[in-house]
């Protein structure tokens, strides 16, 4: 059985359109502050995770575009990146277990730089059209859990009020889309929608029926 997730992808793409419109609105109002341009790859070194719907969508588009050796080479790069991220997270977890301040560790992790496996040698994203939401909004002011974020390459100034995209609301929508996907495919893993998946893992993972907990007939 091949899972048909097109309906879920359409809903996800609708949310992407909303986010893109917000970005373009801020960019049009603050053209001197938004630095985003071709081959600016600052966001391509940021460490962040995807929700399940984003990961499955990215994986689907990856498999549609890349075949043969090109696909195998990118998977090898993604696998190497993923192993580096796992080690980094494991080390951070050990430090917290030993009594280190969790917020401080998280803060340090956010400053780490890891090259995205989809970033080509020419500093262009190889799946730019289908890049995750975090990549799409990196160049405008955002907030998560009340903490603001501004890309270091922009001309937005800390402490100055600007239109700010509340990412908590976006994440809530992504979680709802992920939960809807898990419900509709009748997954036995009812909490799978809570998963957070790095881009590297999204590329190398086989999001098939077994992985998603879909019961096979017969």
N, C-alpha and C. Protein backbone atom coordinates (compact mmCIF):
# COMPACT_ATOMS: atom_id res chain seq x y z
N UNK A 1 0.84 -1.20 0.00
CA UNK A 1 0.00 0.00 0.00
C UNK A 1 0.88 1.25 0.00
N UNK A 2 0.52 2.21 -0.84
CA UNK A 2 1.22 3.48 -0.87
C UNK A 2 0.33 4.56 -0.26
N UNK A 3 0.83 5.25 0.72
CA UNK A 3 0.04 6.28 1.39
C UNK A 3 -0.17 7.48 0.48
N UNK A 4 -1.41 7.94 0.40
CA UNK A 4 -1.73 9.14 -0.37
C UNK A 4 -1.93 10.28 0.62
N UNK A 5 -0.93 11.16 0.68
CA UNK A 5 -0.96 12.26 1.66
C UNK A 5 -1.17 13.61 0.99
N UNK A 6 -1.63 13.59 -0.25
CA UNK A 6 -1.75 14.83 -1.02
C UNK A 6 -2.66 15.85 -0.34
N UNK A 7 -3.77 15.38 0.22
CA UNK A 7 -4.69 16.30 0.90
C UNK A 7 -4.00 17.02 2.05
N UNK A 8 -3.17 16.29 2.76
CA UNK A 8 -2.45 16.89 3.88
C UNK A 8 -1.37 17.85 3.38
N UNK A 9 -0.75 17.51 2.28
CA UNK A 9 0.27 18.39 1.71
C UNK A 9 -0.35 19.70 1.23
N UNK A 10 -1.54 19.63 0.67
CA UNK A 10 -2.23 20.84 0.21
C UNK A 10 -2.51 21.78 1.38
N UNK A 11 -2.94 21.22 2.49
CA UNK A 11 -3.21 22.03 3.69
C UNK A 11 -1.92 22.65 4.22
N UNK A 12 -0.85 21.88 4.19
CA UNK A 12 0.44 22.40 4.64
C UNK A 12 0.90 23.54 3.72
N UNK A 13 0.74 23.35 2.42
CA UNK A 13 1.15 24.38 1.46
C UNK A 13 0.33 25.66 1.64
N UNK A 14 -0.91 25.53 2.07
CA UNK A 14 -1.74 26.71 2.35
C UNK A 14 -1.16 27.51 3.51
N UNK A 15 -0.67 26.80 4.53
CA UNK A 15 -0.03 27.48 5.65
C UNK A 15 1.28 28.14 5.20
N UNK A 16 2.01 27.46 4.34
CA UNK A 16 3.25 28.03 3.79
C UNK A 16 2.94 29.33 3.05
N UNK A 17 1.86 29.35 2.29
CA UNK A 17 1.47 30.56 1.56
C UNK A 17 1.20 31.72 2.52
N UNK A 18 0.54 31.42 3.63
CA UNK A 18 0.26 32.45 4.63
C UNK A 18 1.56 33.03 5.17
N UNK A 19 2.49 32.14 5.50
CA UNK A 19 3.78 32.57 6.04
C UNK A 19 4.56 33.38 5.00
N UNK A 20 4.55 32.93 3.76
CA UNK A 20 5.25 33.66 2.70
C UNK A 20 4.67 35.06 2.53
N UNK A 21 3.37 35.18 2.64
CA UNK A 21 2.73 36.50 2.51
C UNK A 21 3.15 37.43 3.65
N UNK A 22 3.28 36.87 4.85
CA UNK A 22 3.74 37.67 5.99
C UNK A 22 5.16 38.16 5.72
N UNK A 23 6.01 37.25 5.25
CA UNK A 23 7.40 37.63 4.96
C UNK A 23 7.45 38.75 3.91
N UNK A 24 6.70 38.59 2.84
CA UNK A 24 6.72 39.59 1.77
C UNK A 24 6.19 40.93 2.24
N UNK A 25 5.21 40.90 3.12
CA UNK A 25 4.65 42.15 3.66
C UNK A 25 5.69 42.89 4.48
N UNK A 26 6.38 42.16 5.36
CA UNK A 26 7.43 42.79 6.18
C UNK A 26 8.56 43.29 5.28
N UNK A 27 8.92 42.49 4.30
CA UNK A 27 10.00 42.88 3.39
C UNK A 27 9.65 44.14 2.61
N UNK A 28 8.39 44.26 2.19
CA UNK A 28 7.98 45.45 1.44
C UNK A 28 7.94 46.69 2.31
N UNK A 29 7.63 46.50 3.60
CA UNK A 29 7.55 47.63 4.52
C UNK A 29 8.92 48.03 5.07
N UNK A 30 9.83 47.05 5.11
CA UNK A 30 11.17 47.31 5.66
C UNK A 30 12.24 46.76 4.70
N UNK A 31 12.29 47.31 3.48
CA UNK A 31 13.23 46.79 2.47
C UNK A 31 14.70 46.93 2.85
N UNK A 32 15.03 47.94 3.64
CA UNK A 32 16.42 48.14 4.03
C UNK A 32 16.83 47.23 5.18
N UNK A 33 15.83 46.76 5.92
CA UNK A 33 16.14 45.92 7.08
C UNK A 33 16.26 44.44 6.71
N UNK A 34 15.44 43.99 5.77
CA UNK A 34 15.47 42.57 5.37
C UNK A 34 16.64 42.35 4.42
N UNK A 35 17.55 41.48 4.83
CA UNK A 35 18.79 41.27 4.07
C UNK A 35 18.70 40.09 3.11
N UNK A 36 17.68 39.25 3.23
CA UNK A 36 17.60 38.00 2.47
C UNK A 36 17.80 38.23 0.97
N UNK A 37 18.69 37.43 0.40
CA UNK A 37 18.97 37.50 -1.03
C UNK A 37 19.63 36.20 -1.46
N UNK A 38 19.73 36.02 -2.76
CA UNK A 38 20.31 34.78 -3.29
C UNK A 38 21.73 34.58 -2.77
N UNK A 39 22.01 33.36 -2.35
CA UNK A 39 23.31 32.92 -1.84
C UNK A 39 23.63 33.44 -0.44
N UNK A 40 22.67 34.10 0.20
CA UNK A 40 22.84 34.38 1.63
C UNK A 40 22.39 33.11 2.35
N UNK A 41 23.32 32.41 2.95
CA UNK A 41 23.02 31.08 3.49
C UNK A 41 23.11 31.02 5.01
N UNK A 42 22.96 32.15 5.68
CA UNK A 42 23.09 32.16 7.14
C UNK A 42 22.12 31.18 7.79
N UNK A 43 20.87 31.18 7.31
CA UNK A 43 19.87 30.29 7.91
C UNK A 43 20.16 28.82 7.61
N UNK A 44 20.98 28.56 6.60
CA UNK A 44 21.27 27.18 6.20
C UNK A 44 22.26 26.50 7.15
N UNK A 45 22.73 27.24 8.14
CA UNK A 45 23.63 26.67 9.15
C UNK A 45 22.97 26.62 10.53
N UNK A 46 21.73 27.08 10.60
CA UNK A 46 21.02 27.09 11.88
C UNK A 46 20.53 25.68 12.23
N UNK A 47 20.49 25.39 13.53
CA UNK A 47 20.00 24.09 14.00
C UNK A 47 18.54 24.24 14.40
N UNK A 48 17.68 23.49 13.75
CA UNK A 48 16.26 23.51 14.11
C UNK A 48 15.63 22.19 13.67
N UNK A 49 14.47 21.90 14.24
CA UNK A 49 13.76 20.67 13.92
C UNK A 49 12.47 20.97 13.15
N UNK A 50 11.98 19.95 12.48
CA UNK A 50 10.73 20.04 11.73
C UNK A 50 9.63 19.28 12.47
N UNK A 51 8.41 19.72 12.29
CA UNK A 51 7.27 18.93 12.74
C UNK A 51 7.09 17.77 11.77
N UNK A 52 6.26 16.83 12.14
CA UNK A 52 6.09 15.63 11.31
C UNK A 52 5.59 15.97 9.91
N UNK A 53 4.60 16.83 9.79
CA UNK A 53 4.05 17.16 8.47
C UNK A 53 5.13 17.79 7.59
N UNK A 54 5.97 18.64 8.17
CA UNK A 54 7.05 19.26 7.40
C UNK A 54 8.07 18.23 6.94
N UNK A 55 8.41 17.31 7.84
CA UNK A 55 9.41 16.30 7.53
C UNK A 55 8.93 15.36 6.43
N UNK A 56 7.69 14.91 6.53
CA UNK A 56 7.14 13.99 5.53
C UNK A 56 7.03 14.70 4.17
N UNK A 57 6.62 15.96 4.20
CA UNK A 57 6.50 16.75 2.96
C UNK A 57 7.86 16.94 2.31
N UNK A 58 8.85 17.33 3.10
CA UNK A 58 10.19 17.56 2.56
C UNK A 58 10.76 16.27 1.98
N UNK A 59 10.56 15.16 2.68
CA UNK A 59 11.02 13.86 2.21
C UNK A 59 10.37 13.50 0.88
N UNK A 60 9.08 13.78 0.77
CA UNK A 60 8.33 13.49 -0.46
C UNK A 60 8.90 14.29 -1.64
N UNK A 61 9.13 15.56 -1.42
CA UNK A 61 9.66 16.42 -2.49
C UNK A 61 11.10 16.04 -2.84
N UNK A 62 11.85 15.64 -1.83
CA UNK A 62 13.23 15.19 -2.06
C UNK A 62 13.24 13.97 -2.98
N UNK A 63 12.39 13.01 -2.70
CA UNK A 63 12.34 11.78 -3.51
C UNK A 63 11.79 12.05 -4.91
N UNK A 64 10.94 13.05 -5.03
CA UNK A 64 10.43 13.42 -6.36
C UNK A 64 11.52 14.02 -7.23
N UNK A 65 12.38 14.83 -6.63
CA UNK A 65 13.37 15.58 -7.41
C UNK A 65 14.64 14.79 -7.70
N UNK A 66 15.12 14.05 -6.70
CA UNK A 66 16.44 13.44 -6.84
C UNK A 66 16.34 11.93 -7.08
N UNK A 67 17.18 11.46 -7.99
CA UNK A 67 17.21 10.04 -8.33
C UNK A 67 18.67 9.57 -8.43
N UNK A 68 18.84 8.27 -8.39
CA UNK A 68 20.14 7.67 -8.66
C UNK A 68 21.27 8.15 -7.78
N UNK A 69 22.42 8.39 -8.40
CA UNK A 69 23.63 8.76 -7.66
C UNK A 69 23.48 10.09 -6.94
N UNK A 70 22.82 11.04 -7.59
CA UNK A 70 22.63 12.35 -6.96
C UNK A 70 21.87 12.20 -5.65
N UNK A 71 20.83 11.39 -5.67
CA UNK A 71 20.04 11.13 -4.46
C UNK A 71 20.89 10.42 -3.41
N UNK A 72 21.62 9.41 -3.83
CA UNK A 72 22.45 8.63 -2.90
C UNK A 72 23.52 9.52 -2.25
N UNK A 73 24.12 10.40 -3.03
CA UNK A 73 25.15 11.29 -2.50
C UNK A 73 24.57 12.24 -1.45
N UNK A 74 23.39 12.77 -1.72
CA UNK A 74 22.76 13.68 -0.77
C UNK A 74 22.34 12.95 0.51
N UNK A 75 21.88 11.73 0.36
CA UNK A 75 21.52 10.94 1.54
C UNK A 75 22.75 10.66 2.39
N UNK A 76 23.88 10.41 1.75
CA UNK A 76 25.12 10.17 2.48
C UNK A 76 25.54 11.41 3.26
N UNK A 77 25.39 12.57 2.64
CA UNK A 77 25.71 13.84 3.32
C UNK A 77 24.75 14.06 4.49
N UNK A 78 23.46 13.81 4.25
CA UNK A 78 22.46 13.99 5.30
C UNK A 78 22.71 13.05 6.47
N UNK A 79 23.10 11.82 6.15
CA UNK A 79 23.38 10.84 7.21
C UNK A 79 24.55 11.30 8.08
N UNK A 80 25.58 11.82 7.45
CA UNK A 80 26.74 12.32 8.19
C UNK A 80 26.34 13.51 9.07
N UNK A 81 25.53 14.40 8.51
CA UNK A 81 25.05 15.55 9.27
C UNK A 81 24.21 15.11 10.45
N UNK A 82 23.35 14.13 10.21
CA UNK A 82 22.45 13.66 11.26
C UNK A 82 23.23 13.04 12.41
N UNK A 83 24.27 12.29 12.10
CA UNK A 83 25.08 11.67 13.15
C UNK A 83 25.78 12.74 13.99
N UNK A 84 26.21 13.81 13.34
CA UNK A 84 26.85 14.91 14.07
C UNK A 84 25.85 15.60 15.00
N UNK A 85 24.62 15.77 14.53
CA UNK A 85 23.59 16.40 15.35
C UNK A 85 23.20 15.52 16.54
N UNK A 86 23.12 14.22 16.30
CA UNK A 86 22.79 13.29 17.38
C UNK A 86 23.84 13.35 18.48
N UNK A 87 25.10 13.38 18.08
CA UNK A 87 26.19 13.47 19.06
C UNK A 87 26.12 14.78 19.83
N UNK A 88 25.84 15.86 19.13
CA UNK A 88 25.74 17.17 19.76
C UNK A 88 24.62 17.20 20.80
N UNK A 89 23.47 16.63 20.42
CA UNK A 89 22.33 16.61 21.34
C UNK A 89 22.58 15.67 22.52
N UNK A 90 23.25 14.55 22.25
CA UNK A 90 23.57 13.61 23.32
C UNK A 90 24.50 14.25 24.34
N UNK A 91 25.50 14.97 23.85
CA UNK A 91 26.44 15.65 24.75
C UNK A 91 25.73 16.70 25.59
N UNK A 92 24.80 17.42 24.96
CA UNK A 92 24.04 18.45 25.68
C UNK A 92 23.18 17.81 26.76
N UNK A 93 22.57 16.68 26.43
CA UNK A 93 21.72 15.98 27.40
C UNK A 93 22.54 15.51 28.60
N UNK A 94 23.75 15.02 28.34
CA UNK A 94 24.61 14.56 29.42
C UNK A 94 24.98 15.71 30.36
N UNK A 95 25.21 16.88 29.78
CA UNK A 95 25.57 18.04 30.59
C UNK A 95 24.41 18.45 31.50
N UNK A 96 23.20 18.38 30.95
CA UNK A 96 22.01 18.71 31.75
C UNK A 96 21.85 17.69 32.88
N UNK A 97 22.07 16.42 32.56
CA UNK A 97 21.97 15.37 33.58
C UNK A 97 22.97 15.57 34.71
N UNK A 98 24.10 16.19 34.38
CA UNK A 98 25.14 16.43 35.38
C UNK A 98 24.92 17.74 36.15
N UNK A 99 23.83 18.43 35.83
CA UNK A 99 23.49 19.62 36.60
C UNK A 99 23.64 20.94 35.89
N UNK A 100 24.03 20.92 34.63
CA UNK A 100 24.17 22.18 33.89
C UNK A 100 22.80 22.82 33.69
N UNK A 101 22.79 24.14 33.60
CA UNK A 101 21.54 24.86 33.41
C UNK A 101 20.96 24.56 32.03
N UNK A 102 19.72 24.08 32.00
CA UNK A 102 19.13 23.65 30.73
C UNK A 102 18.96 24.81 29.76
N UNK A 103 18.52 25.96 30.25
CA UNK A 103 18.33 27.11 29.36
C UNK A 103 19.66 27.57 28.77
N UNK A 104 20.70 27.49 29.59
CA UNK A 104 22.03 27.88 29.10
C UNK A 104 22.50 26.92 28.01
N UNK A 105 22.26 25.62 28.22
CA UNK A 105 22.65 24.62 27.23
C UNK A 105 21.88 24.83 25.93
N UNK A 106 20.58 25.08 26.06
CA UNK A 106 19.75 25.33 24.87
C UNK A 106 20.25 26.57 24.13
N UNK A 107 20.62 27.59 24.90
CA UNK A 107 21.15 28.80 24.30
C UNK A 107 22.43 28.55 23.52
N UNK A 108 23.29 27.73 24.09
CA UNK A 108 24.54 27.39 23.41
C UNK A 108 24.27 26.58 22.14
N UNK A 109 23.32 25.66 22.24
CA UNK A 109 22.97 24.85 21.07
C UNK A 109 22.47 25.72 19.92
N UNK A 110 21.71 26.75 20.28
CA UNK A 110 21.16 27.63 19.24
C UNK A 110 22.24 28.42 18.52
N UNK A 111 23.42 28.51 19.14
CA UNK A 111 24.52 29.24 18.52
C UNK A 111 25.41 28.34 17.67
N UNK A 112 25.19 27.03 17.76
CA UNK A 112 25.99 26.10 16.97
C UNK A 112 25.67 26.25 15.48
N UNK A 113 26.63 25.92 14.65
CA UNK A 113 26.46 26.05 13.20
C UNK A 113 26.71 24.70 12.54
N UNK A 114 25.70 24.21 11.84
CA UNK A 114 25.81 22.94 11.12
C UNK A 114 25.25 23.15 9.72
N UNK A 115 26.03 22.84 8.72
CA UNK A 115 25.62 23.07 7.33
C UNK A 115 24.47 22.14 6.95
N UNK A 116 23.42 22.70 6.37
CA UNK A 116 22.29 21.91 5.91
C UNK A 116 22.73 21.01 4.76
N UNK A 117 22.34 19.75 4.77
CA UNK A 117 22.74 18.83 3.69
C UNK A 117 22.16 19.21 2.33
N UNK A 118 21.16 20.08 2.32
CA UNK A 118 20.56 20.51 1.05
C UNK A 118 21.22 21.77 0.48
N UNK A 119 22.20 22.30 1.18
CA UNK A 119 22.91 23.49 0.69
C UNK A 119 24.01 23.05 -0.26
N UNK A 120 23.90 23.47 -1.52
CA UNK A 120 24.86 23.06 -2.55
C UNK A 120 26.15 23.85 -2.43
N UNK A 121 27.15 23.44 -3.20
CA UNK A 121 28.45 24.10 -3.17
C UNK A 121 28.37 25.55 -3.62
N UNK A 122 27.36 25.88 -4.43
CA UNK A 122 27.21 27.26 -4.90
C UNK A 122 26.39 28.11 -3.92
N UNK A 123 26.17 27.58 -2.72
CA UNK A 123 25.42 28.28 -1.67
C UNK A 123 23.95 28.50 -2.02
N UNK A 124 23.40 27.62 -2.84
CA UNK A 124 21.98 27.67 -3.16
C UNK A 124 21.30 26.42 -2.62
N UNK A 125 20.09 26.59 -2.11
CA UNK A 125 19.33 25.46 -1.59
C UNK A 125 18.84 24.60 -2.76
N UNK A 126 19.02 23.30 -2.62
CA UNK A 126 18.64 22.39 -3.70
C UNK A 126 17.16 22.02 -3.67
N UNK A 127 16.45 22.44 -2.61
CA UNK A 127 15.00 22.25 -2.55
C UNK A 127 14.34 23.56 -2.12
N UNK A 128 14.85 24.66 -2.68
CA UNK A 128 14.43 25.99 -2.23
C UNK A 128 12.91 26.17 -2.28
N UNK A 129 12.29 25.73 -3.35
CA UNK A 129 10.85 25.92 -3.50
C UNK A 129 10.06 25.22 -2.39
N UNK A 130 10.65 24.17 -1.83
CA UNK A 130 9.94 23.37 -0.83
C UNK A 130 10.61 23.46 0.55
N UNK A 131 11.41 24.49 0.76
CA UNK A 131 12.12 24.65 2.03
C UNK A 131 11.14 24.79 3.20
N UNK A 132 11.56 24.40 4.40
CA UNK A 132 10.69 24.47 5.58
C UNK A 132 10.33 25.91 5.96
N UNK A 133 9.33 26.03 6.80
CA UNK A 133 8.84 27.35 7.22
C UNK A 133 9.91 28.13 7.97
N UNK A 134 10.68 27.47 8.82
CA UNK A 134 11.73 28.17 9.56
C UNK A 134 12.69 28.88 8.61
N UNK A 135 13.02 28.24 7.51
CA UNK A 135 13.90 28.85 6.51
C UNK A 135 13.24 30.07 5.87
N UNK A 136 11.96 30.00 5.68
CA UNK A 136 11.22 31.05 4.98
C UNK A 136 11.11 32.34 5.78
N UNK A 137 11.14 32.24 7.10
CA UNK A 137 10.91 33.42 7.94
C UNK A 137 12.17 33.89 8.65
N UNK A 138 13.29 33.26 8.36
CA UNK A 138 14.52 33.52 9.11
C UNK A 138 14.94 34.99 9.05
N UNK A 139 14.63 35.66 7.96
CA UNK A 139 15.12 37.03 7.77
C UNK A 139 14.24 38.13 8.31
N UNK A 140 13.13 37.78 8.96
CA UNK A 140 12.26 38.79 9.55
C UNK A 140 12.15 38.55 11.06
N UNK A 141 11.73 39.56 11.83
CA UNK A 141 11.59 39.36 13.28
C UNK A 141 10.54 38.30 13.62
N UNK A 142 10.92 37.37 14.46
CA UNK A 142 10.00 36.33 14.92
C UNK A 142 10.10 36.23 16.44
N UNK A 143 9.12 35.55 17.03
CA UNK A 143 9.18 35.30 18.47
C UNK A 143 8.72 33.88 18.75
N UNK A 144 9.36 33.26 19.73
CA UNK A 144 9.00 31.93 20.18
C UNK A 144 9.01 31.92 21.70
N UNK A 145 7.91 31.52 22.30
CA UNK A 145 7.79 31.50 23.76
C UNK A 145 8.16 32.85 24.38
N UNK A 146 7.79 33.91 23.68
CA UNK A 146 8.04 35.25 24.20
C UNK A 146 9.43 35.78 23.96
N UNK A 147 10.29 34.97 23.34
CA UNK A 147 11.67 35.39 23.07
C UNK A 147 11.79 35.76 21.59
N UNK A 148 12.29 36.95 21.33
CA UNK A 148 12.40 37.42 19.95
C UNK A 148 13.67 36.91 19.29
N UNK A 149 13.62 36.82 17.98
CA UNK A 149 14.79 36.41 17.20
C UNK A 149 14.91 37.30 15.98
N UNK A 150 16.12 37.77 15.74
CA UNK A 150 16.41 38.56 14.54
C UNK A 150 17.69 38.02 13.93
N UNK A 151 17.66 37.72 12.66
CA UNK A 151 18.86 37.25 11.96
C UNK A 151 19.97 38.29 12.09
N UNK A 152 21.17 37.83 12.39
CA UNK A 152 22.29 38.73 12.60
C UNK A 152 22.71 39.52 11.37
N UNK A 153 22.26 39.10 10.20
CA UNK A 153 22.64 39.80 8.98
C UNK A 153 21.63 40.87 8.56
N UNK A 154 20.52 40.94 9.26
CA UNK A 154 19.52 41.95 8.91
C UNK A 154 19.92 43.30 9.50
N UNK A 155 19.16 44.31 9.12
CA UNK A 155 19.38 45.65 9.68
C UNK A 155 18.31 46.02 10.70
N UNK A 156 17.55 45.01 11.15
CA UNK A 156 16.62 45.25 12.24
C UNK A 156 17.42 45.49 13.52
N UNK A 157 16.99 46.42 14.33
CA UNK A 157 17.73 46.77 15.55
C UNK A 157 17.01 46.23 16.78
N UNK A 158 17.79 45.57 17.64
CA UNK A 158 17.24 45.06 18.89
C UNK A 158 16.66 46.21 19.71
N UNK A 159 15.48 45.98 20.28
CA UNK A 159 14.85 46.99 21.12
C UNK A 159 13.92 47.92 20.38
N UNK A 160 13.99 47.91 19.04
CA UNK A 160 13.10 48.73 18.23
C UNK A 160 11.87 47.91 17.84
N UNK A 161 10.67 48.45 18.01
CA UNK A 161 9.46 47.67 17.68
C UNK A 161 9.29 47.48 16.17
N UNK A 162 9.07 46.24 15.77
CA UNK A 162 8.79 45.89 14.38
C UNK A 162 7.65 44.87 14.36
N UNK A 163 6.98 44.73 13.21
CA UNK A 163 6.02 43.62 13.09
C UNK A 163 6.76 42.30 13.32
N UNK A 164 6.23 41.48 14.20
CA UNK A 164 6.92 40.24 14.58
C UNK A 164 6.00 39.04 14.39
N UNK A 165 6.50 38.04 13.70
CA UNK A 165 5.72 36.83 13.46
C UNK A 165 5.79 35.93 14.68
N UNK A 166 4.63 35.63 15.25
CA UNK A 166 4.54 34.75 16.42
C UNK A 166 4.63 33.30 15.95
N UNK A 167 5.81 32.70 16.13
CA UNK A 167 6.02 31.34 15.65
C UNK A 167 5.27 30.31 16.48
N UNK A 168 4.90 30.65 17.69
CA UNK A 168 4.13 29.71 18.50
C UNK A 168 2.81 29.36 17.81
N UNK A 169 2.20 30.36 17.18
CA UNK A 169 0.94 30.12 16.47
C UNK A 169 1.18 29.24 15.24
N UNK A 170 2.29 29.47 14.57
CA UNK A 170 2.63 28.65 13.39
C UNK A 170 2.90 27.21 13.81
N UNK A 171 3.66 27.04 14.90
CA UNK A 171 3.96 25.69 15.38
C UNK A 171 2.69 24.96 15.80
N UNK A 172 1.75 25.70 16.39
CA UNK A 172 0.48 25.08 16.77
C UNK A 172 -0.25 24.54 15.55
N UNK A 173 -0.26 25.33 14.48
CA UNK A 173 -0.91 24.89 13.25
C UNK A 173 -0.20 23.68 12.65
N UNK A 174 1.12 23.67 12.72
CA UNK A 174 1.88 22.54 12.19
C UNK A 174 1.63 21.28 13.01
N UNK A 175 1.52 21.43 14.32
CA UNK A 175 1.21 20.29 15.17
C UNK A 175 -0.19 19.74 14.87
N UNK A 176 -1.13 20.64 14.63
CA UNK A 176 -2.49 20.21 14.30
C UNK A 176 -2.53 19.47 12.96
N UNK A 177 -1.78 19.97 11.99
CA UNK A 177 -1.70 19.29 10.69
C UNK A 177 -1.06 17.92 10.84
N UNK A 178 -0.04 17.84 11.69
CA UNK A 178 0.63 16.56 11.93
C UNK A 178 -0.31 15.57 12.62
N UNK A 179 -1.06 16.07 13.59
CA UNK A 179 -2.01 15.22 14.31
C UNK A 179 -3.12 14.73 13.38
N UNK A 180 -3.54 15.59 12.48
CA UNK A 180 -4.58 15.22 11.52
C UNK A 180 -4.07 14.13 10.58
N UNK A 181 -2.82 14.24 10.17
CA UNK A 181 -2.22 13.22 9.31
C UNK A 181 -2.20 11.87 10.02
N UNK A 182 -1.72 11.86 11.25
CA UNK A 182 -1.64 10.61 12.02
C UNK A 182 -3.03 10.01 12.23
N UNK A 183 -4.00 10.86 12.48
CA UNK A 183 -5.38 10.38 12.67
C UNK A 183 -5.93 9.76 11.39
N UNK A 184 -5.72 10.44 10.27
CA UNK A 184 -6.33 10.00 9.02
C UNK A 184 -5.71 8.72 8.46
N UNK A 185 -4.43 8.49 8.73
CA UNK A 185 -3.82 7.25 8.25
C UNK A 185 -4.03 6.11 9.25
N UNK A 186 -4.71 6.44 10.36
CA UNK A 186 -5.02 5.46 11.41
C UNK A 186 -3.74 4.82 11.97
N UNK A 187 -2.80 5.69 12.29
CA UNK A 187 -1.54 5.21 12.86
C UNK A 187 -1.75 4.68 14.27
N UNK A 188 -1.02 3.63 14.59
CA UNK A 188 -1.06 3.08 15.95
C UNK A 188 -0.22 3.93 16.90
N UNK A 189 0.63 4.78 16.33
CA UNK A 189 1.48 5.67 17.13
C UNK A 189 0.77 7.01 17.30
N UNK A 190 -0.17 7.05 18.22
CA UNK A 190 -1.07 8.21 18.31
C UNK A 190 -0.36 9.49 18.75
N UNK A 191 0.84 9.38 19.29
CA UNK A 191 1.58 10.57 19.70
C UNK A 191 2.70 10.93 18.73
N UNK A 192 2.72 10.29 17.58
CA UNK A 192 3.79 10.54 16.62
C UNK A 192 3.78 11.99 16.12
N UNK A 193 2.62 12.64 16.16
CA UNK A 193 2.54 14.02 15.69
C UNK A 193 3.37 14.97 16.55
N UNK A 194 3.80 14.50 17.72
CA UNK A 194 4.61 15.34 18.60
C UNK A 194 6.10 15.28 18.25
N UNK A 195 6.46 14.41 17.32
CA UNK A 195 7.87 14.26 16.95
C UNK A 195 8.44 15.54 16.37
N UNK A 196 9.72 15.77 16.66
CA UNK A 196 10.47 16.86 16.04
C UNK A 196 11.67 16.23 15.34
N UNK A 197 11.86 16.57 14.08
CA UNK A 197 12.80 15.84 13.23
C UNK A 197 13.73 16.82 12.51
N UNK A 198 15.04 16.68 12.65
CA UNK A 198 15.97 17.54 11.90
C UNK A 198 15.82 17.33 10.40
N UNK A 199 16.21 18.32 9.62
CA UNK A 199 16.15 18.21 8.16
C UNK A 199 16.93 16.99 7.69
N UNK A 200 18.10 16.77 8.27
CA UNK A 200 18.93 15.64 7.87
C UNK A 200 18.21 14.31 8.06
N UNK A 201 17.53 14.16 9.18
CA UNK A 201 16.79 12.92 9.44
C UNK A 201 15.58 12.81 8.52
N UNK A 202 14.96 13.94 8.21
CA UNK A 202 13.80 13.92 7.31
C UNK A 202 14.20 13.40 5.94
N UNK A 203 15.42 13.67 5.53
CA UNK A 203 15.89 13.23 4.22
C UNK A 203 16.16 11.72 4.21
N UNK A 204 16.78 11.21 5.25
CA UNK A 204 17.21 9.81 5.24
C UNK A 204 16.13 8.83 5.69
N UNK A 205 15.07 9.33 6.31
CA UNK A 205 14.04 8.44 6.86
C UNK A 205 13.09 7.94 5.77
N UNK A 206 12.69 6.69 5.88
CA UNK A 206 11.67 6.12 5.01
C UNK A 206 10.32 6.26 5.72
N UNK A 207 9.54 7.24 5.32
CA UNK A 207 8.24 7.46 5.97
C UNK A 207 7.19 6.54 5.34
N UNK A 208 7.40 5.24 5.52
CA UNK A 208 6.47 4.26 4.96
C UNK A 208 5.45 3.83 6.02
N UNK A 209 4.62 2.85 5.65
CA UNK A 209 3.56 2.41 6.56
C UNK A 209 4.12 1.89 7.88
N UNK A 210 5.21 1.12 7.80
CA UNK A 210 5.80 0.57 9.02
C UNK A 210 6.26 1.69 9.95
N UNK A 211 6.96 2.65 9.38
CA UNK A 211 7.50 3.74 10.20
C UNK A 211 6.36 4.56 10.83
N UNK A 212 5.32 4.80 10.05
CA UNK A 212 4.22 5.64 10.52
C UNK A 212 3.19 4.87 11.34
N UNK A 213 3.41 3.57 11.50
CA UNK A 213 2.52 2.79 12.35
C UNK A 213 1.17 2.48 11.73
N UNK A 214 1.15 2.34 10.40
CA UNK A 214 -0.09 2.01 9.71
C UNK A 214 -0.23 0.50 9.62
N UNK A 215 -1.35 -0.01 10.07
CA UNK A 215 -1.57 -1.46 10.05
C UNK A 215 -1.77 -1.95 8.63
N UNK A 216 -1.11 -3.04 8.31
CA UNK A 216 -1.23 -3.65 6.99
C UNK A 216 -2.41 -4.61 6.97
N UNK A 217 -3.11 -4.66 5.85
CA UNK A 217 -4.22 -5.60 5.70
C UNK A 217 -3.69 -7.02 5.47
N UNK A 218 -4.38 -7.99 6.03
CA UNK A 218 -3.99 -9.37 5.79
C UNK A 218 -3.10 -9.92 6.87
